[in-house]
Amino acid sequence: MDFKVNENSGRPSDVQLIAQALEKAKPWGLQPEVVWSLITHFKTYPSDDIEMGLTVALDDWDLND
């Protein structure tokens, strides 16, 4: 997924990226599963950035383009 951050938004960039990933999961009702995969990824790879974690989480559920 091509994540985009709006620098003019009042939201932190990480929150913007999470919102984009959850929006991608929404049509299939997989938002909780994506969050679970994200948390699980960071337990194993705590130094990864949020974009990497979200990419892996979306891949876990075949939601990445």
Protein backbone atom coordinates (compact mmCIF):
# COMPACT_ATOMS: atom_id res chain seq x y z
CA MET A 1 0.00 0.00 0.00
CA ASP A 2 1.25 3.47 -0.82
CA PHE A 3 0.89 5.35 2.46
CA LYS A 4 0.61 9.13 2.31
CA VAL A 5 1.04 11.59 5.17
CA ASN A 6 -0.67 14.96 5.09
CA GLU A 7 1.79 17.34 6.73
CA ASN A 8 -1.01 19.90 7.21
CA SER A 9 -3.13 17.51 9.26
CA GLY A 10 -3.39 17.95 13.00
CA ARG A 11 -3.07 14.17 13.38
CA PRO A 12 0.34 12.62 14.04
CA SER A 13 1.75 10.90 10.95
CA ASP A 14 1.63 7.45 12.57
CA VAL A 15 -2.08 7.90 13.33
CA GLN A 16 -2.72 8.92 9.73
CA LEU A 17 -0.99 5.76 8.48
CA ILE A 18 -2.94 3.54 10.86
CA ALA A 19 -6.20 5.16 9.74
CA GLN A 20 -5.31 4.45 6.10
CA ALA A 21 -4.57 0.80 6.83
CA LEU A 22 -7.80 0.38 8.78
CA GLU A 23 -9.75 1.99 5.94
CA LYS A 24 -8.20 -0.55 3.58
CA ALA A 25 -9.35 -3.39 5.89
CA LYS A 26 -12.84 -1.99 6.49
CA PRO A 27 -14.69 -3.45 3.45
CA TRP A 28 -13.88 -6.95 4.71
CA GLY A 29 -14.37 -6.20 8.41
CA LEU A 30 -10.71 -7.03 9.07
CA GLN A 31 -9.78 -3.97 11.13
CA PRO A 32 -9.27 -5.95 14.38
CA GLU A 33 -7.20 -8.55 12.55
CA VAL A 34 -4.94 -5.87 11.07
CA VAL A 35 -4.45 -4.31 14.51
CA TRP A 36 -3.67 -7.74 15.96
CA SER A 37 -1.09 -8.38 13.22
CA LEU A 38 0.45 -4.96 13.80
CA ILE A 39 0.79 -5.58 17.53
CA THR A 40 2.18 -9.06 16.95
CA HIS A 41 4.72 -7.69 14.47
CA PHE A 42 5.97 -5.07 16.94
CA LYS A 43 6.37 -7.69 19.67
CA THR A 44 8.89 -9.42 17.42
CA TYR A 45 10.38 -6.41 15.63
CA PRO A 46 10.04 -3.44 18.02
CA SER A 47 12.48 -1.25 16.12
CA ASP A 48 10.55 -1.33 12.83
CA ASP A 49 8.75 1.84 11.83
CA ILE A 50 4.96 2.02 11.66
CA GLU A 51 4.89 1.85 7.86
CA MET A 52 6.76 -1.46 7.87
CA GLY A 53 4.48 -2.85 10.59
CA LEU A 54 1.36 -1.83 8.70
CA THR A 55 2.68 -3.25 5.44
CA VAL A 56 3.29 -6.60 7.13
CA ALA A 57 -0.10 -6.48 8.88
CA LEU A 58 -1.92 -5.83 5.60
CA ASP A 59 0.10 -8.57 3.90
CA ASP A 60 -0.96 -11.01 6.63
CA TRP A 61 -4.56 -10.56 5.47
CA ASP A 62 -3.83 -10.25 1.72
CA LEU A 63 -4.92 -6.60 1.74
CA ASN A 64 -1.78 -5.05 0.29
CA ASP A 65 -1.82 -3.98 -3.35
